[in-house]
Amino acid sequence: MQDLRTQLLEDLDEAEWGWLIPHVQRDAVVVVAAGLDLVDVGEAIASDKVSIVQNWISEQLIAKPSPEQMSHWNSDRNKRFNSLIVQPYVLIQEKTHSV
């Protein structure tokens, strides 16, 4: 059996905002700050590392999307995110603009 981190790395994907809207509607999307590694966050959530996750929440490094973010992203449904499903959540991180 594969270890959790290997599985999460394989599950790491890209998603457009329009694809994420149904998950937002069921309150399952978590926005991960650019400074954090998406796989590290997924691993901490999947492994029930409560103190680490609570620390990220208190520092506002992971949070539900704000109304301002959603409004901005709704204006560009093709906006792309790195995404990772860690049931029952969909973790997303804005993709940085590459040249």
Protein backbone atom coordinates (compact mmCIF):
# COMPACT_ATOMS: atom_id res chain seq x y z
CA MET A 1 0.00 0.00 0.00
CA GLN A 2 1.24 3.48 -0.89
CA ASP A 3 1.96 5.94 1.83
CA LEU A 4 -0.34 8.91 2.26
CA ARG A 5 2.05 11.55 0.90
CA THR A 6 2.68 9.55 -2.30
CA GLN A 7 -1.07 9.17 -2.81
CA LEU A 8 -1.69 12.88 -2.24
CA LEU A 9 1.07 13.81 -4.70
CA GLU A 10 -0.61 11.60 -7.29
CA ASP A 11 -4.00 13.19 -6.54
CA LEU A 12 -2.69 16.76 -6.89
CA ASP A 13 -4.42 18.32 -9.88
CA GLU A 14 -5.50 21.57 -11.47
CA ALA A 15 -9.06 22.89 -11.57
CA GLU A 16 -10.93 25.82 -13.03
CA TRP A 17 -13.09 27.96 -10.74
CA GLY A 18 -16.24 26.92 -12.62
CA TRP A 19 -15.57 23.27 -11.75
CA LEU A 20 -15.20 24.13 -8.06
CA ILE A 21 -18.51 25.98 -7.64
CA PRO A 22 -20.56 22.86 -6.73
CA HIS A 23 -18.03 22.12 -3.97
CA VAL A 24 -18.24 25.72 -2.73
CA GLN A 25 -22.04 25.36 -2.60
CA ARG A 26 -21.69 22.36 -0.30
CA ASP A 27 -19.18 24.31 1.85
CA ALA A 28 -16.33 21.89 1.12
CA VAL A 29 -13.71 24.21 -0.42
CA VAL A 30 -10.73 25.31 1.66
CA VAL A 31 -8.38 27.97 0.33
CA VAL A 32 -4.72 27.37 1.15
CA ALA A 33 -2.36 30.38 1.31
CA ALA A 34 0.38 30.58 -1.30
CA GLY A 35 3.12 30.12 1.29
CA LEU A 36 1.94 26.65 2.27
CA ASP A 37 2.53 23.40 0.40
CA LEU A 38 -0.83 21.98 -0.69
CA VAL A 39 0.32 18.39 -0.10
CA ASP A 40 1.57 19.25 3.41
CA VAL A 41 -1.85 20.70 4.24
CA GLY A 42 -3.64 17.68 2.79
CA GLU A 43 -1.41 15.32 4.72
CA ALA A 44 -2.03 17.19 8.00
CA ILE A 45 -5.81 17.14 7.46
CA ALA A 46 -5.89 13.48 6.43
CA SER A 47 -3.70 12.50 9.40
CA ASP A 48 -5.83 14.45 11.91
CA LYS A 49 -2.94 16.68 12.96
CA VAL A 50 -5.37 18.98 14.73
CA SER A 51 -2.85 21.33 16.38
CA ILE A 52 -1.07 22.05 13.08
CA VAL A 53 -4.35 22.59 11.22
CA GLN A 54 -5.73 24.80 14.02
CA ASN A 55 -2.55 26.88 13.89
CA TRP A 56 -2.97 27.43 10.13
CA ILE A 57 -6.61 28.38 10.67
CA SER A 58 -5.76 30.85 13.45
CA GLU A 59 -3.07 32.42 11.24
CA GLN A 60 -5.62 32.56 8.37
CA LEU A 61 -3.37 30.42 6.17
CA ILE A 62 -6.25 28.08 5.42
CA ALA A 63 -9.86 29.26 5.30
CA LYS A 64 -13.15 28.98 3.50
CA PRO A 65 -13.26 31.28 0.48
CA SER A 66 -14.34 34.80 1.40
CA PRO A 67 -17.25 36.53 -0.36
CA GLU A 68 -14.70 38.89 -1.94
CA GLN A 69 -12.62 36.00 -3.30
CA MET A 70 -15.69 34.24 -4.67
CA SER A 71 -16.94 37.43 -6.32
CA HIS A 72 -13.55 37.96 -7.95
CA TRP A 73 -13.30 34.33 -9.10
CA ASN A 74 -16.92 34.31 -10.36
CA SER A 75 -15.91 37.06 -12.78
CA ASP A 76 -13.33 34.68 -14.27
CA ARG A 77 -14.70 31.14 -14.25
CA ASN A 78 -11.58 29.97 -16.10
CA LYS A 79 -9.35 31.04 -13.20
CA ARG A 80 -7.10 28.06 -12.44
CA PHE A 81 -6.15 26.57 -9.09
CA ASN A 82 -4.00 23.76 -7.85
CA SER A 83 -6.41 21.39 -6.15
CA LEU A 84 -6.33 18.39 -3.89
CA ILE A 85 -9.27 16.35 -2.66
CA VAL A 86 -8.99 15.24 0.96
CA GLN A 87 -12.46 13.97 1.77
CA PRO A 88 -14.71 15.73 2.58
CA TYR A 89 -12.72 18.80 1.52
CA VAL A 90 -11.40 20.19 -1.73
CA LEU A 91 -8.21 22.13 -1.00
CA ILE A 92 -7.40 24.85 -3.51
CA GLN A 93 -4.53 27.24 -4.01
CA GLU A 94 -4.43 30.02 -6.58
CA LYS A 95 -1.99 29.30 -9.34
CA THR A 96 0.71 31.90 -9.66
CA HIS A 97 1.08 33.55 -13.02
CA SER A 98 3.88 32.01 -15.02
CA VAL A 99 5.48 33.68 -17.99
